[in-house]
Amino acid sequence: MKKLILITGVSSGFGCALASAALEAGHRVVGTVRAPEQAQAFAARRPGHAHAALLDVSDSDAVARVVMHVERNIGAIDVLVNNAGYGHEGVLEESPLEDMRRQFDVNVFGAVAMIKAVLPGMRQRRRGHIINMTSMGGTITMPGIAYYCGSKFALEGISDTLSKELAPFGIFVTAVAPGSFRTDWAGRSMVRAPRRIADYDASFDPVRQARIEKSGKQAGDPVKAAQAILHLVDSPAPPAHLLLGSDALALVRAALAQRLEQIDAWEAVTRSTDA
């Protein structure tokens, strides 16, 4: 069944790869971009099937207008893919609080604004699928990306809660958590806080350097990720959570196992608080 898929942030990375794969599969795609030239380029990919919308997802009023325009002039939105987002790198003590606000404005509030805009139509039709692109950093943590991990932990929790709220209406919600992929996440699109506290040099500088050097050489292939997400879109019973990449699988499994070990080790203290 061919669907109308709304994807935020289609100018690069996962959004670009997914939009291309969806168009190739015969779906209609509305892709959001930030610049007029990007909009023209996207619409030219497949006239009649590729529709571009200028949008900054952190502008909730604009989000509502774009979704209303799509529903009225292009068609009912079957799938929303909240892909727009970016990474922030920096030791928490060194990173301005404003950086965190901006990270959450885009990665969390922007995604929720999109969800709230599409839900009335999906709920009325009693069908739909919301896919939130999170990260393995929504389950595990690494030094220097506290703001990013915080935003993805938040989106994971929101997605899981929403999947339970919307199940009675036939609407699916899936949090897709990629590992390391060959996108611009650690390169052009990464916001990096300046270094200033020497105490962190030994622990953080090698991490930052390794992340820079690895950018573009990661094992994950965005084209294959796009095919995996299309498989998710076609599934009659999609999961609430999906990991992408063998590194995500190994790291998340290890983190969950460690968490269970700590729960077991402190079980007596946990139980001691009952009346």
C-alpha atoms as a PDB file:
ATOM      1  CA  MET A   1       0.000   0.000   0.000  1.00  0.00           C
ATOM      2  CA  LYS A   2       1.452   3.347  -1.062  1.00  0.00           C
ATOM      3  CA  LYS A   3       1.405   6.044   1.595  1.00  0.00           C
ATOM      4  CA  LEU A   4       1.903   9.757   2.126  1.00  0.00           C
ATOM      5  CA  ILE A   5       4.981  10.128   4.337  1.00  0.00           C
ATOM      6  CA  LEU A   6       5.970  13.394   6.001  1.00  0.00           C
ATOM      7  CA  ILE A   7       9.691  13.462   6.799  1.00  0.00           C
ATOM      8  CA  THR A   8      11.380  16.350   8.596  1.00  0.00           C
ATOM      9  CA  GLY A   9      14.913  17.283   7.586  1.00  0.00           C
ATOM     10  CA  VAL A  10      15.375  15.690   4.156  1.00  0.00           C
ATOM     11  CA  SER A  11      18.343  17.734   2.952  1.00  0.00           C
ATOM     12  CA  SER A  12      20.958  15.289   4.279  1.00  0.00           C
ATOM     13  CA  GLY A  13      21.609  12.175   6.345  1.00  0.00           C
ATOM     14  CA  PHE A  14      18.866   9.739   7.245  1.00  0.00           C
ATOM     15  CA  GLY A  15      16.137  12.085   5.999  1.00  0.00           C
ATOM     16  CA  CYS A  16      17.651  12.337   2.538  1.00  0.00           C
ATOM     17  CA  ALA A  17      18.240   8.589   2.271  1.00  0.00           C
ATOM     18  CA  LEU A  18      14.753   7.726   3.526  1.00  0.00           C
ATOM     19  CA  ALA A  19      13.032  10.201   1.225  1.00  0.00           C
ATOM     20  CA  SER A  20      14.891   8.789  -1.780  1.00  0.00           C
ATOM     21  CA  ALA A  21      14.036   5.204  -0.845  1.00  0.00           C
ATOM     22  CA  ALA A  22      10.378   6.040  -0.197  1.00  0.00           C
ATOM     23  CA  LEU A  23      10.010   7.836  -3.529  1.00  0.00           C
ATOM     24  CA  GLU A  24      11.710   4.944  -5.309  1.00  0.00           C
ATOM     25  CA  ALA A  25       9.214   2.570  -3.661  1.00  0.00           C
ATOM     26  CA  GLY A  26       6.315   4.620  -5.033  1.00  0.00           C
ATOM     27  CA  HIS A  27       5.271   6.479  -1.901  1.00  0.00           C
ATOM     28  CA  ARG A  28       4.469  10.168  -1.903  1.00  0.00           C
ATOM     29  CA  VAL A  29       6.775  12.189   0.319  1.00  0.00           C
ATOM     30  CA  VAL A  30       6.526  15.615   1.896  1.00  0.00           C
ATOM     31  CA  GLY A  31      10.004  16.626   2.986  1.00  0.00           C
ATOM     32  CA  THR A  32      10.815  19.615   5.150  1.00  0.00           C
ATOM     33  CA  VAL A  33      13.909  21.700   4.461  1.00  0.00           C
ATOM     34  CA  ARG A  34      15.326  24.993   5.716  1.00  0.00           C
ATOM     35  CA  ALA A  35      16.239  26.806   2.473  1.00  0.00           C
ATOM     36  CA  PRO A  36      14.315  27.637  -0.761  1.00  0.00           C
ATOM     37  CA  GLU A  37      16.982  26.095  -2.999  1.00  0.00           C
ATOM     38  CA  GLN A  38      16.724  22.859  -1.014  1.00  0.00           C
ATOM     39  CA  ALA A  39      12.966  22.902  -1.497  1.00  0.00           C
ATOM     40  CA  GLN A  40      13.335  23.272  -5.264  1.00  0.00           C
ATOM     41  CA  ALA A  41      15.868  20.471  -5.438  1.00  0.00           C
ATOM     42  CA  PHE A  42      13.695  18.110  -3.418  1.00  0.00           C
ATOM     43  CA  ALA A  43      10.511  18.774  -5.392  1.00  0.00           C
ATOM     44  CA  ALA A  44      12.449  18.097  -8.600  1.00  0.00           C
ATOM     45  CA  ARG A  45      13.388  14.589  -7.494  1.00  0.00           C
ATOM     46  CA  ARG A  46      10.037  13.181  -8.583  1.00  0.00           C
ATOM     47  CA  PRO A  47       7.417  15.750  -9.625  1.00  0.00           C
ATOM     48  CA  GLY A  48       3.980  14.911  -8.309  1.00  0.00           C
ATOM     49  CA  HIS A  49       5.356  12.589  -5.657  1.00  0.00           C
ATOM     50  CA  ALA A  50       7.993  14.752  -3.945  1.00  0.00           C
ATOM     51  CA  HIS A  51       6.622  17.803  -2.147  1.00  0.00           C
ATOM     52  CA  ALA A  52       8.844  20.214  -0.244  1.00  0.00           C
ATOM     53  CA  ALA A  53       7.944  22.404   2.712  1.00  0.00           C
ATOM     54  CA  LEU A  54      10.081  25.155   4.214  1.00  0.00           C
ATOM     55  CA  LEU A  55      10.107  24.609   7.960  1.00  0.00           C
ATOM     56  CA  ASP A  56      12.061  25.181  11.136  1.00  0.00           C
ATOM     57  CA  VAL A  57      10.608  22.533  13.468  1.00  0.00           C
ATOM     58  CA  SER A  58      11.338  24.704  16.504  1.00  0.00           C
ATOM     59  CA  ASP A  59       8.682  27.162  15.235  1.00  0.00           C
ATOM     60  CA  SER A  60       5.507  25.513  16.519  1.00  0.00           C
ATOM     61  CA  ASP A  61       3.192  27.949  14.697  1.00  0.00           C
ATOM     62  CA  ALA A  62       4.910  27.166  11.400  1.00  0.00           C
ATOM     63  CA  VAL A  63       4.642  23.449  12.124  1.00  0.00           C
ATOM     64  CA  ALA A  64       0.878  23.714  12.502  1.00  0.00           C
ATOM     65  CA  ARG A  65       0.576  25.717   9.263  1.00  0.00           C
ATOM     66  CA  VAL A  66       2.665  23.235   7.260  1.00  0.00           C
ATOM     67  CA  VAL A  67       0.732  20.199   8.475  1.00  0.00           C
ATOM     68  CA  MET A  68      -2.596  21.929   7.784  1.00  0.00           C
ATOM     69  CA  HIS A  69      -1.433  22.782   4.261  1.00  0.00           C
ATOM     70  CA  VAL A  70      -0.354  19.192   3.605  1.00  0.00           C
ATOM     71  CA  GLU A  71      -3.627  17.705   4.856  1.00  0.00           C
ATOM     72  CA  ARG A  72      -5.734  20.154   2.859  1.00  0.00           C
ATOM     73  CA  ASN A  73      -3.795  20.279  -0.396  1.00  0.00           C
ATOM     74  CA  ILE A  74      -1.755  17.080  -0.732  1.00  0.00           C
ATOM     75  CA  GLY A  75      -3.527  14.422   1.283  1.00  0.00           C
ATOM     76  CA  ALA A  76      -3.942  12.607   4.559  1.00  0.00           C
ATOM     77  CA  ILE A  77      -0.615  11.985   6.297  1.00  0.00           C
ATOM     78  CA  ASP A  78      -0.145   8.255   6.842  1.00  0.00           C
ATOM     79  CA  VAL A  79       3.339   8.356   8.361  1.00  0.00           C
ATOM     80  CA  LEU A  80       5.253  11.055  10.208  1.00  0.00           C
ATOM     81  CA  VAL A  81       9.015  10.616  10.490  1.00  0.00           C
ATOM     82  CA  ASN A  82      10.537  13.011  13.010  1.00  0.00           C
ATOM     83  CA  ASN A  83      14.066  13.046  11.645  1.00  0.00           C
ATOM     84  CA  ALA A  84      15.113  16.689  11.981  1.00  0.00           C
ATOM     85  CA  GLY A  85      17.701  17.142  14.699  1.00  0.00           C
ATOM     86  CA  TYR A  86      21.376  17.654  15.378  1.00  0.00           C
ATOM     87  CA  GLY A  87      24.130  16.690  17.778  1.00  0.00           C
ATOM     88  CA  HIS A  88      25.727  18.765  20.502  1.00  0.00           C
ATOM     89  CA  GLU A  89      29.141  17.873  21.869  1.00  0.00           C
ATOM     90  CA  GLY A  90      30.727  19.373  24.954  1.00  0.00           C
ATOM     91  CA  VAL A  91      31.561  18.692  28.581  1.00  0.00           C
ATOM     92  CA  LEU A  92      28.469  19.637  30.553  1.00  0.00           C
ATOM     93  CA  GLU A  93      30.303  22.072  32.845  1.00  0.00           C
ATOM     94  CA  GLU A  94      31.706  23.898  29.816  1.00  0.00           C
ATOM     95  CA  SER A  95      28.530  23.909  27.707  1.00  0.00           C
ATOM     96  CA  PRO A  96      26.291  27.013  27.870  1.00  0.00           C
ATOM     97  CA  LEU A  97      22.782  26.386  29.162  1.00  0.00           C
ATOM     98  CA  GLU A  98      21.448  28.094  26.045  1.00  0.00           C
ATOM     99  CA  ASP A  99      22.991  25.266  23.997  1.00  0.00           C
ATOM    100  CA  MET A 100      20.854  22.801  25.921  1.00  0.00           C
ATOM    101  CA  ARG A 101      17.713  24.853  25.370  1.00  0.00           C
ATOM    102  CA  ARG A 102      18.355  24.927  21.621  1.00  0.00           C
ATOM    103  CA  GLN A 103      19.121  21.174  21.587  1.00  0.00           C
ATOM    104  CA  PHE A 104      15.797  20.391  23.248  1.00  0.00           C
ATOM    105  CA  ASP A 105      13.908  22.950  21.133  1.00  0.00           C
ATOM    106  CA  VAL A 106      14.833  21.064  17.971  1.00  0.00           C
ATOM    107  CA  ASN A 107      15.261  17.446  19.076  1.00  0.00           C
ATOM    108  CA  VAL A 108      12.361  17.255  21.542  1.00  0.00           C
ATOM    109  CA  PHE A 109       9.957  20.195  21.316  1.00  0.00           C
ATOM    110  CA  GLY A 110      10.142  20.222  17.521  1.00  0.00           C
ATOM    111  CA  ALA A 111       9.276  16.534  17.338  1.00  0.00           C
ATOM    112  CA  VAL A 112       6.407  16.905  19.807  1.00  0.00           C
ATOM    113  CA  ALA A 113       5.024  19.896  17.880  1.00  0.00           C
ATOM    114  CA  MET A 114       4.973  17.772  14.712  1.00  0.00           C
ATOM    115  CA  ILE A 115       3.242  14.937  16.555  1.00  0.00           C
ATOM    116  CA  LYS A 116       0.577  17.226  18.017  1.00  0.00           C
ATOM    117  CA  ALA A 117      -0.079  18.681  14.574  1.00  0.00           C
ATOM    118  CA  VAL A 118      -0.630  15.330  12.810  1.00  0.00           C
ATOM    119  CA  LEU A 119      -2.498  13.535  15.594  1.00  0.00           C
ATOM    120  CA  PRO A 120      -6.003  15.004  15.100  1.00  0.00           C
ATOM    121  CA  GLY A 121      -6.138  13.695  11.541  1.00  0.00           C
ATOM    122  CA  MET A 122      -4.611  10.313  12.380  1.00  0.00           C
ATOM    123  CA  ARG A 123      -6.920   9.871  15.366  1.00  0.00           C
ATOM    124  CA  GLN A 124      -9.996  10.765  13.288  1.00  0.00           C
ATOM    125  CA  ARG A 125      -8.971   8.253  10.618  1.00  0.00           C
ATOM    126  CA  ARG A 126      -8.039   5.641  13.269  1.00  0.00           C
ATOM    127  CA  ARG A 127      -4.744   4.876  11.576  1.00  0.00           C
ATOM    128  CA  GLY A 128      -1.223   6.214  11.232  1.00  0.00           C
ATOM    129  CA  HIS A 129       2.377   5.660  12.193  1.00  0.00           C
ATOM    130  CA  ILE A 130       4.690   8.073  13.998  1.00  0.00           C
ATOM    131  CA  ILE A 131       8.410   7.294  13.741  1.00  0.00           C
ATOM    132  CA  ASN A 132      10.754   9.237  15.994  1.00  0.00           C
ATOM    133  CA  MET A 133      14.421   9.078  15.108  1.00  0.00           C
ATOM    134  CA  THR A 134      16.183   8.862  18.453  1.00  0.00           C
ATOM    135  CA  SER A 135      19.626   7.326  18.955  1.00  0.00           C
ATOM    136  CA  MET A 136      21.436   4.616  20.860  1.00  0.00           C
ATOM    137  CA  GLY A 137      22.320   7.707  22.913  1.00  0.00           C
ATOM    138  CA  GLY A 138      18.732   7.556  24.157  1.00  0.00           C
ATOM    139  CA  THR A 139      19.606   4.421  26.126  1.00  0.00           C
ATOM    140  CA  ILE A 140      23.372   4.577  26.639  1.00  0.00           C
ATOM    141  CA  THR A 141      25.593   7.545  27.428  1.00  0.00           C
ATOM    142  CA  MET A 142      29.052   8.656  26.347  1.00  0.00           C
ATOM    143  CA  PRO A 143      31.298  11.464  27.656  1.00  0.00           C
ATOM    144  CA  GLY A 144      30.741  14.844  26.077  1.00  0.00           C
ATOM    145  CA  ILE A 145      27.228  14.478  24.698  1.00  0.00           C
ATOM    146  CA  ALA A 146      25.100  15.030  27.803  1.00  0.00           C
ATOM    147  CA  TYR A 147      22.751  17.520  26.139  1.00  0.00           C
ATOM    148  CA  TYR A 148      22.281  15.282  23.104  1.00  0.00           C
ATOM    149  CA  CYS A 149      21.726  12.132  25.174  1.00  0.00           C
ATOM    150  CA  GLY A 150      19.323  14.025  27.406  1.00  0.00           C
ATOM    151  CA  SER A 151      17.245  15.037  24.397  1.00  0.00           C
ATOM    152  CA  LYS A 152      17.175  11.513  23.025  1.00  0.00           C
ATOM    153  CA  PHE A 153      16.351   9.950  26.403  1.00  0.00           C
ATOM    154  CA  ALA A 154      13.436  12.394  26.547  1.00  0.00           C
ATOM    155  CA  LEU A 155      12.209  11.489  23.063  1.00  0.00           C
ATOM    156  CA  GLU A 156      12.485   7.766  23.834  1.00  0.00           C
ATOM    157  CA  GLY A 157      10.302   8.219  26.921  1.00  0.00           C
ATOM    158  CA  ILE A 158       7.785  10.364  25.086  1.00  0.00           C
ATOM    159  CA  SER A 159       7.604   7.822  22.244  1.00  0.00           C
ATOM    160  CA  ASP A 160       7.051   4.883  24.578  1.00  0.00           C
ATOM    161  CA  THR A 161       4.313   6.689  26.504  1.00  0.00           C
ATOM    162  CA  LEU A 162       2.661   7.855  23.287  1.00  0.00           C
ATOM    163  CA  SER A 163       2.640   4.319  21.857  1.00  0.00           C
ATOM    164  CA  LYS A 164       0.427   3.284  24.794  1.00  0.00           C
ATOM    165  CA  GLU A 165      -1.838   6.337  24.521  1.00  0.00           C
ATOM    166  CA  LEU A 166      -2.442   5.872  20.790  1.00  0.00           C
ATOM    167  CA  ALA A 167      -2.761   2.078  20.602  1.00  0.00           C
ATOM    168  CA  PRO A 168      -6.569   2.188  21.072  1.00  0.00           C
ATOM    169  CA  PHE A 169      -6.834   4.328  17.929  1.00  0.00           C
ATOM    170  CA  GLY A 170      -4.817   2.063  15.645  1.00  0.00           C
ATOM    171  CA  ILE A 171      -1.892   4.503  15.563  1.00  0.00           C
ATOM    172  CA  PHE A 172       1.603   3.062  15.942  1.00  0.00           C
ATOM    173  CA  VAL A 173       4.585   4.866  17.453  1.00  0.00           C
ATOM    174  CA  THR A 174       8.150   3.646  16.949  1.00  0.00           C
ATOM    175  CA  ALA A 175      11.365   5.073  18.349  1.00  0.00           C
ATOM    176  CA  VAL A 176      14.148   4.214  15.881  1.00  0.00           C
ATOM    177  CA  ALA A 177      17.557   4.327  17.569  1.00  0.00           C
ATOM    178  CA  PRO A 178      20.521   4.269  15.187  1.00  0.00           C
ATOM    179  CA  GLY A 179      24.094   3.618  16.217  1.00  0.00           C
ATOM    180  CA  SER A 180      27.018   5.171  14.344  1.00  0.00           C
ATOM    181  CA  PHE A 181      26.170   5.887  10.700  1.00  0.00           C
ATOM    182  CA  ARG A 182      27.884   7.728   7.878  1.00  0.00           C
ATOM    183  CA  THR A 183      25.873  10.953   8.189  1.00  0.00           C
ATOM    184  CA  ASP A 184      26.849  14.548   9.016  1.00  0.00           C
ATOM    185  CA  TRP A 185      25.969  14.052  12.704  1.00  0.00           C
ATOM    186  CA  ALA A 186      29.581  14.131  13.932  1.00  0.00           C
ATOM    187  CA  GLY A 187      30.721  16.441  11.153  1.00  0.00           C
ATOM    188  CA  ARG A 188      29.109  19.488   9.577  1.00  0.00           C
ATOM    189  CA  SER A 189      25.921  19.433  11.678  1.00  0.00           C
ATOM    190  CA  MET A 190      27.600  18.928  15.069  1.00  0.00           C
ATOM    191  CA  VAL A 191      27.626  21.903  17.458  1.00  0.00           C
ATOM    192  CA  ARG A 192      30.774  21.780  19.591  1.00  0.00           C
ATOM    193  CA  ALA A 193      31.170  23.769  22.800  1.00  0.00           C
ATOM    194  CA  PRO A 194      34.592  25.432  23.226  1.00  0.00           C
ATOM    195  CA  ARG A 195      37.095  23.892  25.650  1.00  0.00           C
ATOM    196  CA  ARG A 196      38.216  25.942  28.665  1.00  0.00           C
ATOM    197  CA  ILE A 197      38.635  23.729  31.770  1.00  0.00           C
ATOM    198  CA  ALA A 198      41.984  21.918  31.824  1.00  0.00           C
ATOM    199  CA  ASP A 199      40.788  19.257  34.274  1.00  0.00           C
ATOM    200  CA  TYR A 200      38.821  17.645  31.432  1.00  0.00           C
ATOM    201  CA  ASP A 201      41.682  17.579  28.910  1.00  0.00           C
ATOM    202  CA  ALA A 202      42.850  14.038  29.600  1.00  0.00           C
ATOM    203  CA  SER A 203      39.402  12.437  29.665  1.00  0.00           C
ATOM    204  CA  PHE A 204      37.598  14.378  26.953  1.00  0.00           C
ATOM    205  CA  ASP A 205      40.051  15.620  24.321  1.00  0.00           C
ATOM    206  CA  PRO A 206      40.813  12.072  23.031  1.00  0.00           C
ATOM    207  CA  VAL A 207      37.058  11.379  22.810  1.00  0.00           C
ATOM    208  CA  ARG A 208      36.454  14.532  20.770  1.00  0.00           C
ATOM    209  CA  GLN A 209      39.387  13.799  18.465  1.00  0.00           C
ATOM    210  CA  ALA A 210      38.320  10.196  17.912  1.00  0.00           C
ATOM    211  CA  ARG A 211      34.783  11.304  17.072  1.00  0.00           C
ATOM    212  CA  ILE A 212      36.084  13.786  14.498  1.00  0.00           C
ATOM    213  CA  GLU A 213      38.419  11.229  12.916  1.00  0.00           C
ATOM    214  CA  LYS A 214      35.710   8.572  12.731  1.00  0.00           C
ATOM    215  CA  SER A 215      33.185  10.856  11.033  1.00  0.00           C
ATOM    216  CA  GLY A 216      32.356   9.533   7.579  1.00  0.00           C
ATOM    217  CA  LYS A 217      33.947   6.155   8.309  1.00  0.00           C
ATOM    218  CA  GLN A 218      31.269   4.639  10.530  1.00  0.00           C
ATOM    219  CA  ALA A 219      29.983   1.141   9.821  1.00  0.00           C
ATOM    220  CA  GLY A 220      26.363   2.194   9.418  1.00  0.00           C
ATOM    221  CA  ASP A 221      25.043   2.789   5.888  1.00  0.00           C
ATOM    222  CA  PRO A 222      22.202   5.363   5.704  1.00  0.00           C
ATOM    223  CA  VAL A 223      20.851   3.729   2.521  1.00  0.00           C
ATOM    224  CA  LYS A 224      20.415   0.420   4.358  1.00  0.00           C
ATOM    225  CA  ALA A 225      18.899   2.256   7.313  1.00  0.00           C
ATOM    226  CA  ALA A 226      16.333   3.755   4.939  1.00  0.00           C
ATOM    227  CA  GLN A 227      15.355   0.289   3.728  1.00  0.00           C
ATOM    228  CA  ALA A 228      14.980  -0.882   7.322  1.00  0.00           C
ATOM    229  CA  ILE A 229      12.670   2.050   8.087  1.00  0.00           C
ATOM    230  CA  LEU A 230      10.588   1.336   4.975  1.00  0.00           C
ATOM    231  CA  HIS A 231      10.252  -2.249   6.216  1.00  0.00           C
ATOM    232  CA  LEU A 232       8.969  -0.759   9.474  1.00  0.00           C
ATOM    233  CA  VAL A 233       6.474   1.419   7.576  1.00  0.00           C
ATOM    234  CA  ASP A 234       5.148  -1.631   5.722  1.00  0.00           C
ATOM    235  CA  SER A 235       4.797  -3.769   8.856  1.00  0.00           C
ATOM    236  CA  PRO A 236       1.254  -4.467  10.131  1.00  0.00           C
ATOM    237  CA  ALA A 237       2.644  -4.695  13.678  1.00  0.00           C
ATOM    238  CA  PRO A 238       5.688  -2.417  14.061  1.00  0.00           C
ATOM    239  CA  PRO A 239       7.623  -2.426  17.346  1.00  0.00           C
ATOM    240  CA  ALA A 240       7.692   0.451  19.820  1.00  0.00           C
ATOM    241  CA  HIS A 241      11.504   0.456  19.694  1.00  0.00           C
ATOM    242  CA  LEU A 242      13.939  -0.492  16.930  1.00  0.00           C
ATOM    243  CA  LEU A 243      17.731  -0.376  17.074  1.00  0.00           C
ATOM    244  CA  LEU A 244      19.714   0.139  13.867  1.00  0.00           C
ATOM    245  CA  GLY A 245      23.314  -1.032  13.595  1.00  0.00           C
ATOM    246  CA  SER A 246      25.367  -3.787  15.204  1.00  0.00           C
ATOM    247  CA  ASP A 247      27.172  -1.292  17.447  1.00  0.00           C
ATOM    248  CA  ALA A 248      23.853  -0.042  18.835  1.00  0.00           C
ATOM    249  CA  LEU A 249      22.779  -3.634  19.446  1.00  0.00           C
ATOM    250  CA  ALA A 250      25.950  -4.534  21.361  1.00  0.00           C
ATOM    251  CA  LEU A 251      26.205  -1.307  23.362  1.00  0.00           C
ATOM    252  CA  VAL A 252      22.537  -1.134  24.349  1.00  0.00           C
ATOM    253  CA  ARG A 253      22.470  -4.803  25.362  1.00  0.00           C
ATOM    254  CA  ALA A 254      25.568  -4.287  27.522  1.00  0.00           C
ATOM    255  CA  ALA A 255      24.128  -1.137  29.133  1.00  0.00           C
ATOM    256  CA  LEU A 256      20.823  -2.830  29.946  1.00  0.00           C
ATOM    257  CA  ALA A 257      22.617  -5.860  31.390  1.00  0.00           C
ATOM    258  CA  GLN A 258      24.746  -3.600  33.597  1.00  0.00           C
ATOM    259  CA  ARG A 259      21.668  -1.737  34.764  1.00  0.00           C
ATOM    260  CA  LEU A 260      19.974  -5.005  35.731  1.00  0.00           C
ATOM    261  CA  GLU A 261      23.082  -6.064  37.656  1.00  0.00           C
ATOM    262  CA  GLN A 262      22.974  -2.825  39.641  1.00  0.00           C
ATOM    263  CA  ILE A 263      19.260  -3.246  40.326  1.00  0.00           C
ATOM    264  CA  ASP A 264      19.893  -6.745  41.644  1.00  0.00           C
ATOM    265  CA  ALA A 265      22.885  -5.630  43.745  1.00  0.00           C
ATOM    266  CA  TRP A 266      20.833  -2.913  45.435  1.00  0.00           C
ATOM    267  CA  GLU A 267      17.576  -4.861  45.675  1.00  0.00           C
ATOM    268  CA  ALA A 268      17.635  -5.036  49.488  1.00  0.00           C
ATOM    269  CA  VAL A 269      17.966  -1.250  49.778  1.00  0.00           C
ATOM    270  CA  THR A 270      15.221  -0.776  47.199  1.00  0.00           C
ATOM    271  CA  ARG A 271      12.836  -3.037  49.131  1.00  0.00           C
ATOM    272  CA  SER A 272      13.741  -1.466  52.460  1.00  0.00           C
ATOM    273  CA  THR A 273      11.676   1.624  51.692  1.00  0.00           C
ATOM    274  CA  ASP A 274       8.327  -0.171  51.708  1.00  0.00           C
ATOM    275  CA  ALA A 275       6.045   0.399  54.686  1.00  0.00           C
END
